[in-house]
């Protein structure tokens, strides 16, 4: 939610991760923009009820990278 500036809601992400995280929101916005452009160009709309309304897919939880285990750290330190 872009309007929510609560520190719990804020997360630092690279551009690719941010676009992936907001993919559902972008899909809904893109569909609404295209529908508005078609309507402005004179395209008639067919009312099929609530089934035609775009629905955002559920957000996928972001997984944090796993901390390296002691064995992995030891292995990395032993490399020449």
N, C-alpha and C. Protein backbone atom coordinates (compact mmCIF):
# COMPACT_ATOMS: atom_id res chain seq x y z
N UNK A 1 0.86 -1.16 0.00
CA UNK A 1 0.00 0.00 0.00
C UNK A 1 0.91 1.23 0.00
N UNK A 2 1.01 1.94 -1.12
CA UNK A 2 1.94 3.06 -1.23
C UNK A 2 1.69 4.19 -0.22
N UNK A 3 0.45 4.36 0.21
CA UNK A 3 0.14 5.47 1.12
C UNK A 3 0.57 5.18 2.55
N UNK A 4 0.83 3.93 2.89
CA UNK A 4 1.17 3.54 4.25
C UNK A 4 2.68 3.73 4.46
N UNK A 5 3.07 4.75 5.22
CA UNK A 5 4.48 5.05 5.47
C UNK A 5 4.94 4.53 6.82
N UNK A 6 4.20 3.63 7.41
CA UNK A 6 4.57 3.02 8.67
C UNK A 6 5.87 2.23 8.45
N UNK A 7 6.87 2.34 9.32
CA UNK A 7 8.13 1.61 9.12
C UNK A 7 7.96 0.10 8.94
N UNK A 8 6.91 -0.49 9.52
CA UNK A 8 6.66 -1.91 9.34
C UNK A 8 6.31 -2.22 7.88
N UNK A 9 5.68 -1.25 7.19
CA UNK A 9 5.26 -1.44 5.81
C UNK A 9 6.38 -1.15 4.81
N UNK A 10 7.43 -0.48 5.23
CA UNK A 10 8.50 -0.10 4.32
C UNK A 10 9.55 -1.20 4.22
N UNK A 11 10.03 -1.43 3.01
CA UNK A 11 11.01 -2.48 2.77
C UNK A 11 11.93 -2.02 1.63
N UNK A 12 13.21 -2.17 1.79
CA UNK A 12 14.16 -1.80 0.74
C UNK A 12 14.28 -2.97 -0.24
N UNK A 13 14.05 -2.69 -1.54
CA UNK A 13 14.12 -3.73 -2.56
C UNK A 13 14.81 -3.18 -3.80
N UNK A 14 15.44 -4.08 -4.55
CA UNK A 14 15.97 -3.67 -5.85
C UNK A 14 14.79 -3.52 -6.81
N UNK A 15 15.04 -2.95 -7.98
CA UNK A 15 13.96 -2.68 -8.93
C UNK A 15 13.27 -3.97 -9.38
N UNK A 16 14.04 -5.01 -9.66
CA UNK A 16 13.45 -6.27 -10.11
C UNK A 16 12.56 -6.91 -9.06
N UNK A 17 13.02 -6.92 -7.82
CA UNK A 17 12.22 -7.48 -6.73
C UNK A 17 10.96 -6.66 -6.50
N UNK A 18 11.08 -5.34 -6.58
CA UNK A 18 9.93 -4.46 -6.38
C UNK A 18 8.88 -4.70 -7.47
N UNK A 19 9.32 -4.81 -8.73
CA UNK A 19 8.38 -5.07 -9.82
C UNK A 19 7.71 -6.43 -9.65
N UNK A 20 8.47 -7.42 -9.22
CA UNK A 20 7.91 -8.75 -8.99
C UNK A 20 6.89 -8.71 -7.85
N UNK A 21 7.22 -8.00 -6.79
CA UNK A 21 6.34 -7.89 -5.63
C UNK A 21 5.02 -7.21 -5.98
N UNK A 22 5.08 -6.17 -6.84
CA UNK A 22 3.89 -5.40 -7.21
C UNK A 22 3.26 -5.86 -8.52
N UNK A 23 3.59 -7.06 -9.00
CA UNK A 23 3.08 -7.52 -10.30
C UNK A 23 1.55 -7.54 -10.36
N UNK A 24 0.90 -7.98 -9.30
CA UNK A 24 -0.56 -8.03 -9.27
C UNK A 24 -1.18 -6.65 -9.38
N UNK A 25 -0.64 -5.70 -8.63
CA UNK A 25 -1.14 -4.33 -8.68
C UNK A 25 -0.93 -3.74 -10.07
N UNK A 26 0.24 -3.99 -10.68
CA UNK A 26 0.51 -3.47 -12.02
C UNK A 26 -0.44 -4.08 -13.05
N UNK A 27 -0.79 -5.35 -12.91
CA UNK A 27 -1.71 -6.00 -13.84
C UNK A 27 -3.10 -5.37 -13.77
N UNK A 28 -3.58 -5.10 -12.56
CA UNK A 28 -4.89 -4.47 -12.40
C UNK A 28 -4.88 -3.05 -12.97
N UNK A 29 -3.84 -2.29 -12.66
CA UNK A 29 -3.73 -0.92 -13.16
C UNK A 29 -3.66 -0.90 -14.68
N UNK A 30 -2.89 -1.85 -15.25
CA UNK A 30 -2.75 -1.92 -16.71
C UNK A 30 -4.11 -2.23 -17.36
N UNK A 31 -4.88 -3.15 -16.78
CA UNK A 31 -6.19 -3.49 -17.33
C UNK A 31 -7.14 -2.30 -17.26
N UNK A 32 -7.11 -1.57 -16.15
CA UNK A 32 -7.98 -0.40 -16.01
C UNK A 32 -7.59 0.69 -17.00
N UNK A 33 -6.29 0.90 -17.20
CA UNK A 33 -5.82 1.91 -18.14
C UNK A 33 -6.22 1.57 -19.57
N UNK A 34 -6.07 0.29 -19.95
CA UNK A 34 -6.46 -0.13 -21.29
C UNK A 34 -7.96 0.01 -21.50
N UNK A 35 -8.76 -0.38 -20.51
CA UNK A 35 -10.21 -0.26 -20.60
C UNK A 35 -10.63 1.20 -20.75
N UNK A 36 -9.98 2.09 -19.99
CA UNK A 36 -10.29 3.51 -20.08
C UNK A 36 -9.92 4.07 -21.47
N UNK A 37 -8.77 3.64 -22.01
CA UNK A 37 -8.35 4.10 -23.34
C UNK A 37 -9.32 3.62 -24.41
N UNK A 38 -9.78 2.36 -24.31
CA UNK A 38 -10.76 1.86 -25.27
C UNK A 38 -12.08 2.60 -25.17
N UNK A 39 -12.52 2.89 -23.94
CA UNK A 39 -13.77 3.62 -23.75
C UNK A 39 -13.66 5.03 -24.32
N UNK A 40 -12.51 5.68 -24.11
CA UNK A 40 -12.30 7.03 -24.64
C UNK A 40 -12.28 7.03 -26.17
N UNK A 41 -11.87 5.90 -26.76
CA UNK A 41 -11.81 5.80 -28.22
C UNK A 41 -13.17 5.41 -28.81
N UNK A 42 -14.17 5.17 -27.97
CA UNK A 42 -15.51 4.87 -28.46
C UNK A 42 -15.91 3.41 -28.37
N UNK A 43 -15.08 2.57 -27.78
CA UNK A 43 -15.41 1.15 -27.63
C UNK A 43 -16.57 1.00 -26.66
N UNK A 44 -17.61 0.27 -27.07
CA UNK A 44 -18.74 0.02 -26.19
C UNK A 44 -18.40 -1.10 -25.22
N UNK A 45 -18.88 -0.98 -24.00
CA UNK A 45 -18.61 -1.99 -22.97
C UNK A 45 -19.81 -2.90 -22.82
N UNK A 46 -19.56 -4.17 -22.51
CA UNK A 46 -20.61 -5.13 -22.24
C UNK A 46 -20.58 -5.40 -20.74
N UNK A 47 -21.71 -5.17 -20.08
CA UNK A 47 -21.77 -5.38 -18.64
C UNK A 47 -22.09 -6.84 -18.37
N UNK A 48 -21.11 -7.57 -17.83
CA UNK A 48 -21.33 -8.97 -17.49
C UNK A 48 -21.33 -9.18 -15.98
N UNK A 49 -21.45 -8.09 -15.25
CA UNK A 49 -21.54 -8.19 -13.80
C UNK A 49 -20.18 -8.22 -13.12
N UNK A 50 -20.14 -8.67 -11.87
CA UNK A 50 -18.89 -8.64 -11.11
C UNK A 50 -17.82 -9.59 -11.65
N UNK A 51 -18.19 -10.53 -12.50
CA UNK A 51 -17.20 -11.45 -13.04
C UNK A 51 -16.18 -10.73 -13.92
N UNK A 52 -16.53 -9.56 -14.46
CA UNK A 52 -15.62 -8.84 -15.34
C UNK A 52 -14.65 -7.94 -14.59
N UNK A 53 -14.87 -7.73 -13.30
CA UNK A 53 -14.00 -6.84 -12.53
C UNK A 53 -12.64 -7.51 -12.31
N UNK A 54 -11.54 -6.78 -12.54
CA UNK A 54 -10.23 -7.38 -12.29
C UNK A 54 -10.03 -7.65 -10.80
N UNK A 55 -9.39 -8.75 -10.52
CA UNK A 55 -9.14 -9.15 -9.13
C UNK A 55 -7.63 -9.30 -8.96
N UNK A 56 -7.11 -8.68 -7.91
CA UNK A 56 -5.67 -8.81 -7.64
C UNK A 56 -5.38 -10.20 -7.10
N UNK A 57 -4.33 -10.84 -7.62
CA UNK A 57 -3.96 -12.14 -7.07
C UNK A 57 -3.41 -11.95 -5.66
N UNK A 58 -3.46 -13.00 -4.85
CA UNK A 58 -2.93 -12.86 -3.49
C UNK A 58 -1.43 -12.60 -3.53
N UNK A 59 -0.97 -11.76 -2.63
CA UNK A 59 0.46 -11.44 -2.57
C UNK A 59 1.23 -12.64 -2.05
N UNK A 60 2.36 -12.92 -2.70
CA UNK A 60 3.23 -14.00 -2.23
C UNK A 60 4.12 -13.48 -1.12
N UNK A 61 4.28 -14.23 -0.04
CA UNK A 61 5.17 -13.77 1.02
C UNK A 61 6.61 -13.73 0.52
N UNK A 62 7.32 -12.71 0.92
CA UNK A 62 8.72 -12.57 0.54
C UNK A 62 9.57 -13.39 1.48
N UNK A 63 10.34 -14.32 0.94
CA UNK A 63 11.21 -15.16 1.75
C UNK A 63 12.55 -14.46 1.96
N UNK A 64 13.00 -14.47 3.18
CA UNK A 64 14.30 -13.90 3.49
C UNK A 64 15.38 -14.91 3.15
N UNK A 65 16.55 -14.45 2.67
CA UNK A 65 17.61 -15.41 2.37
C UNK A 65 18.04 -16.14 3.64
N UNK A 66 18.28 -17.42 3.48
CA UNK A 66 18.67 -18.24 4.63
C UNK A 66 20.08 -17.86 5.07
N UNK A 67 20.28 -17.86 6.37
CA UNK A 67 21.61 -17.57 6.91
C UNK A 67 22.53 -18.75 6.61
N UNK A 68 23.77 -18.49 6.23
CA UNK A 68 24.68 -19.60 5.95
C UNK A 68 24.93 -20.42 7.21
N UNK A 69 25.03 -21.71 7.02
CA UNK A 69 25.29 -22.58 8.16
C UNK A 69 26.77 -22.54 8.51
N UNK A 70 27.11 -23.07 9.66
CA UNK A 70 28.50 -23.10 10.10
C UNK A 70 29.34 -23.93 9.14
N UNK A 71 28.77 -25.02 8.59
CA UNK A 71 29.51 -25.87 7.64
C UNK A 71 29.81 -25.09 6.36
N UNK A 72 28.88 -24.29 5.89
CA UNK A 72 29.09 -23.49 4.68
C UNK A 72 30.16 -22.45 4.93
N UNK A 73 30.10 -21.79 6.07
CA UNK A 73 31.10 -20.79 6.38
C UNK A 73 32.50 -21.39 6.47
N UNK A 74 32.58 -22.57 7.09
CA UNK A 74 33.87 -23.24 7.20
C UNK A 74 34.37 -23.63 5.82
N UNK A 75 33.49 -24.12 4.96
CA UNK A 75 33.86 -24.52 3.62
C UNK A 75 34.39 -23.32 2.84
N UNK A 76 33.74 -22.18 2.98
CA UNK A 76 34.18 -20.98 2.26
C UNK A 76 35.53 -20.51 2.77
N UNK A 77 35.79 -20.66 4.06
CA UNK A 77 37.06 -20.22 4.61
C UNK A 77 38.21 -21.12 4.22
N UNK A 78 37.94 -22.39 3.93
CA UNK A 78 39.01 -23.34 3.59
C UNK A 78 39.41 -23.29 2.13
N UNK A 79 38.69 -22.56 1.29
CA UNK A 79 39.05 -22.49 -0.12
C UNK A 79 40.34 -21.74 -0.32
N UNK A 80 41.22 -22.23 -1.25
CA UNK A 80 42.50 -21.53 -1.47
C UNK A 80 42.31 -20.22 -2.21
